[in-house]
Amino acid sequence: MPTPRHLFKPERHRALELLAPCGHGCTETTMLAHGFSIEMMVELINAGLATVQTERGGRARVRITEAGRRALSDQLAARSSVNGVQAPKRRIASAIPSKAVRPFL
């Protein structure tokens, strides 16, 4: 089980925020385009915060795990605490919109 110190690295938080709203995960190429290294993705997978699945053609798709969602939710709750009083924990689904809103044309 990863220690809390490792869960709160800014790069891991940013990666989990990218993966959370993606139902089918993000391709390795997308993760690399957002500045994440292969080593960092391997750290997420080894920590149990993400999984990887290889698709046809050799494309790798990275997905957040339930443990990753909990870690992200816990971090959001910790950031919202005031004066040492812990705010109620929110589910990650309530913190990140599920669909983008399209403007009317």
Protein backbone atom coordinates (compact mmCIF):
# COMPACT_ATOMS: atom_id res chain seq x y z
CA MET A 1 0.00 0.00 0.00
CA PRO A 2 1.48 3.37 -0.97
CA THR A 3 2.18 5.88 1.77
CA PRO A 4 0.20 9.15 1.85
CA ARG A 5 3.40 11.06 1.04
CA HIS A 6 3.51 9.34 -2.36
CA LEU A 7 -0.16 9.93 -3.08
CA PHE A 8 0.16 13.71 -2.89
CA LYS A 9 2.91 14.27 -5.45
CA PRO A 10 1.68 17.04 -7.78
CA GLU A 11 2.54 15.06 -10.92
CA ARG A 12 0.52 12.04 -9.73
CA HIS A 13 -2.39 14.28 -8.78
CA ARG A 14 -2.37 15.89 -12.23
CA ALA A 15 -2.24 12.48 -13.94
CA LEU A 16 -5.14 11.16 -11.85
CA GLU A 17 -7.14 14.32 -12.64
CA LEU A 18 -6.57 13.65 -16.35
CA LEU A 19 -7.59 9.99 -16.08
CA ALA A 20 -10.61 10.41 -13.78
CA PRO A 21 -13.18 11.71 -16.29
CA CYS A 22 -12.02 9.37 -19.08
CA GLY A 23 -14.31 6.35 -18.92
CA HIS A 24 -12.20 4.32 -21.32
CA GLY A 25 -8.91 5.73 -20.06
CA CYS A 26 -6.27 7.66 -21.97
CA THR A 27 -3.82 6.30 -24.49
CA GLU A 28 -0.15 6.23 -23.63
CA THR A 29 0.36 8.79 -26.42
CA THR A 30 -2.12 11.18 -24.79
CA MET A 31 -0.38 10.83 -21.44
CA LEU A 32 3.00 11.51 -23.05
CA ALA A 33 1.54 14.55 -24.87
CA HIS A 34 0.44 15.95 -21.49
CA GLY A 35 4.02 15.69 -20.23
CA PHE A 36 3.87 12.44 -18.24
CA SER A 37 6.81 10.06 -18.52
CA ILE A 38 6.62 6.31 -18.96
CA GLU A 39 8.32 5.97 -15.56
CA MET A 40 5.60 8.05 -13.87
CA MET A 41 2.86 5.94 -15.50
CA VAL A 42 4.63 2.79 -14.26
CA GLU A 43 4.71 4.31 -10.74
CA LEU A 44 0.93 4.86 -10.88
CA ILE A 45 0.38 1.28 -12.02
CA ASN A 46 2.75 -0.19 -9.40
CA ALA A 47 1.05 1.88 -6.69
CA GLY A 48 -2.33 0.46 -7.74
CA LEU A 49 -3.68 3.88 -8.74
CA ALA A 50 -3.98 3.01 -12.44
CA THR A 51 -4.06 0.02 -14.76
CA VAL A 52 -2.92 -0.45 -18.32
CA GLN A 53 -4.51 -2.46 -21.10
CA THR A 54 -2.94 -3.17 -24.47
CA GLU A 55 -5.31 -2.90 -27.41
CA ARG A 56 -5.08 -4.14 -30.97
CA GLY A 57 -2.22 -2.57 -32.81
CA GLY A 58 -0.15 -2.36 -29.62
CA ARG A 59 -1.76 0.83 -28.26
CA ALA A 60 -1.67 1.03 -24.48
CA ARG A 61 -4.60 2.58 -22.61
CA VAL A 62 -4.15 3.79 -19.02
CA ARG A 63 -7.18 3.81 -16.69
CA ILE A 64 -7.64 5.09 -13.15
CA THR A 65 -8.52 2.44 -10.55
CA GLU A 66 -10.97 2.77 -7.67
CA ALA A 67 -7.94 3.22 -5.37
CA GLY A 68 -6.81 6.08 -7.61
CA ARG A 69 -10.26 7.69 -7.41
CA ARG A 70 -10.20 7.37 -3.61
CA ALA A 71 -6.71 8.90 -3.42
CA LEU A 72 -7.79 11.82 -5.61
CA SER A 73 -10.98 12.29 -3.58
CA ASP A 74 -9.03 12.18 -0.31
CA GLN A 75 -6.61 14.78 -1.63
CA LEU A 76 -9.46 17.08 -2.69
CA ALA A 77 -11.01 16.72 0.77
CA ALA A 78 -7.66 17.44 2.45
CA ARG A 79 -7.20 20.59 0.38
CA SER A 80 -10.67 21.84 1.31
CA SER A 81 -10.15 21.44 5.07
CA VAL A 82 -10.10 24.71 7.01
CA ASN A 83 -8.27 25.39 10.28
CA GLY A 84 -7.62 21.72 10.92
CA VAL A 85 -11.30 20.78 10.61
CA GLN A 86 -11.66 18.10 7.95
CA ALA A 87 -14.31 18.83 5.34
CA PRO A 88 -16.64 15.95 4.41
CA LYS A 89 -15.12 13.67 1.80
CA ARG A 90 -16.62 13.99 -1.66
CA ARG A 91 -16.80 11.29 -4.24
CA ILE A 92 -14.64 12.07 -7.25
CA ALA A 93 -17.71 11.80 -9.50
CA SER A 94 -19.17 14.90 -7.85
CA ALA A 95 -15.90 16.82 -8.21
CA ILE A 96 -15.38 16.26 -11.94
CA PRO A 97 -18.12 16.81 -14.51
CA SER A 98 -18.99 13.67 -16.45
CA LYS A 99 -19.67 15.36 -19.79
CA ALA A 100 -18.50 18.59 -21.37
CA VAL A 101 -21.23 21.14 -21.98
CA ARG A 102 -21.50 22.25 -25.60
CA PRO A 103 -22.43 25.87 -26.30
CA PHE A 104 -25.51 26.53 -28.38
CA LEU A 105 -24.71 27.36 -31.98
